[in-house]
Each structure stands twice: as C-alpha cells, then as structure tokens.
Amino acid sequence: MSGPKPEMMRTDVHAHLWSEDYLRLLESYGREGTATQRGLGAGDSPAELDARSR
C-alpha cells in the first residue's frame, strides 16, 4: 500500500485528584479557595474514585 499515511488523532485523557491531605497542605501554606476543589468530586475517597471510574 502506498500513498500518504492517515493522520492519527490523539486524545488527552486524564483526571485531577485532590486528596484531603494535599488540600490541607495547600491551606497550611496560605492557599485559599480549596473548597472549590473539594466540591468537584475529585478526591481520593473510595466513593469518589468508584464514581469516577464508571
């Protein structure tokens, strides 16, 4: 088979993870607004991880 090769499409698949330990660390350094991350359902609790992997 000759001719031009078809272009490949790439898809970036990733997820953010905001563990409570990490958010507390950010707060200890003066970071404000961590409630936003807590409200995303992107924590490391078993329930959040299970819900995200469906």
C-alpha atoms as a PDB file:
ATOM      1  CA  MET A   1       0.000   0.000   0.000  1.00  0.00           C
ATOM      2  CA  SER A   2       1.468   3.321  -0.976  1.00  0.00           C
ATOM      3  CA  GLY A   3       0.410   6.877  -0.558  1.00  0.00           C
ATOM      4  CA  PRO A   4       0.120   9.269   2.376  1.00  0.00           C
ATOM      5  CA  LYS A   5      -0.366   7.862   5.822  1.00  0.00           C
ATOM      6  CA  PRO A   6      -3.604   8.839   7.572  1.00  0.00           C
ATOM      7  CA  GLU A   7      -3.253  11.357  10.369  1.00  0.00           C
ATOM      8  CA  MET A   8      -3.548   9.979  13.880  1.00  0.00           C
ATOM      9  CA  MET A   9      -5.893  11.561  16.347  1.00  0.00           C
ATOM     10  CA  ARG A  10      -4.693  11.817  19.929  1.00  0.00           C
ATOM     11  CA  THR A  11      -6.998  12.219  22.870  1.00  0.00           C
ATOM     12  CA  ASP A  12      -5.743  13.504  26.210  1.00  0.00           C
ATOM     13  CA  VAL A  13      -7.477  11.527  28.933  1.00  0.00           C
ATOM     14  CA  HIS A  14      -6.589  12.432  32.482  1.00  0.00           C
ATOM     15  CA  ALA A  15      -8.192  13.171  35.796  1.00  0.00           C
ATOM     16  CA  HIS A  16      -7.417  15.586  38.591  1.00  0.00           C
ATOM     17  CA  LEU A  17      -7.001  14.215  42.093  1.00  0.00           C
ATOM     18  CA  TRP A  18      -7.318  16.485  45.108  1.00  0.00           C
ATOM     19  CA  SER A  19      -6.674  14.407  48.247  1.00  0.00           C
ATOM     20  CA  GLU A  20      -7.642  15.887  51.600  1.00  0.00           C
ATOM     21  CA  ASP A  21      -4.006  15.670  52.726  1.00  0.00           C
ATOM     22  CA  TYR A  22      -2.889  17.707  49.719  1.00  0.00           C
ATOM     23  CA  LEU A  23      -5.618  20.310  50.181  1.00  0.00           C
ATOM     24  CA  ARG A  24      -4.724  20.667  53.870  1.00  0.00           C
ATOM     25  CA  LEU A  25      -1.076  21.129  52.874  1.00  0.00           C
ATOM     26  CA  LEU A  26      -2.046  23.896  50.449  1.00  0.00           C
ATOM     27  CA  GLU A  27      -4.067  25.574  53.206  1.00  0.00           C
ATOM     28  CA  SER A  28      -1.092  25.356  55.583  1.00  0.00           C
ATOM     29  CA  TYR A  29       0.882  27.413  53.041  1.00  0.00           C
ATOM     30  CA  GLY A  30      -1.869  30.027  52.946  1.00  0.00           C
ATOM     31  CA  ARG A  31      -3.800  28.818  49.904  1.00  0.00           C
ATOM     32  CA  GLU A  32      -7.425  29.961  49.955  1.00  0.00           C
ATOM     33  CA  GLY A  33     -10.331  28.595  47.951  1.00  0.00           C
ATOM     34  CA  THR A  34      -9.729  24.881  48.400  1.00  0.00           C
ATOM     35  CA  ALA A  35     -13.465  24.408  48.876  1.00  0.00           C
ATOM     36  CA  THR A  36     -13.736  24.622  45.099  1.00  0.00           C
ATOM     37  CA  GLN A  37     -11.530  21.557  44.667  1.00  0.00           C
ATOM     38  CA  ARG A  38     -13.376  19.708  47.422  1.00  0.00           C
ATOM     39  CA  GLY A  39     -16.664  20.258  45.621  1.00  0.00           C
ATOM     40  CA  LEU A  40     -15.512  18.703  42.331  1.00  0.00           C
ATOM     41  CA  GLY A  41     -15.791  15.061  43.389  1.00  0.00           C
ATOM     42  CA  ALA A  42     -12.089  14.663  42.604  1.00  0.00           C
ATOM     43  CA  GLY A  43     -10.972  13.405  45.999  1.00  0.00           C
ATOM     44  CA  ASP A  44      -9.276  10.144  46.851  1.00  0.00           C
ATOM     45  CA  SER A  45     -12.051   8.604  48.923  1.00  0.00           C
ATOM     46  CA  PRO A  46     -13.210   5.150  47.797  1.00  0.00           C
ATOM     47  CA  ALA A  47     -16.655   6.525  46.917  1.00  0.00           C
ATOM     48  CA  GLU A  48     -15.267   9.336  44.750  1.00  0.00           C
ATOM     49  CA  LEU A  49     -12.793   7.062  42.967  1.00  0.00           C
ATOM     50  CA  ASP A  50     -15.509   4.486  42.326  1.00  0.00           C
ATOM     51  CA  ALA A  51     -17.884   7.102  40.935  1.00  0.00           C
ATOM     52  CA  ARG A  52     -15.206   8.461  38.605  1.00  0.00           C
ATOM     53  CA  SER A  53     -14.196   5.101  37.220  1.00  0.00           C
ATOM     54  CA  ARG A  54     -17.662   4.206  35.908  1.00  0.00           C
END
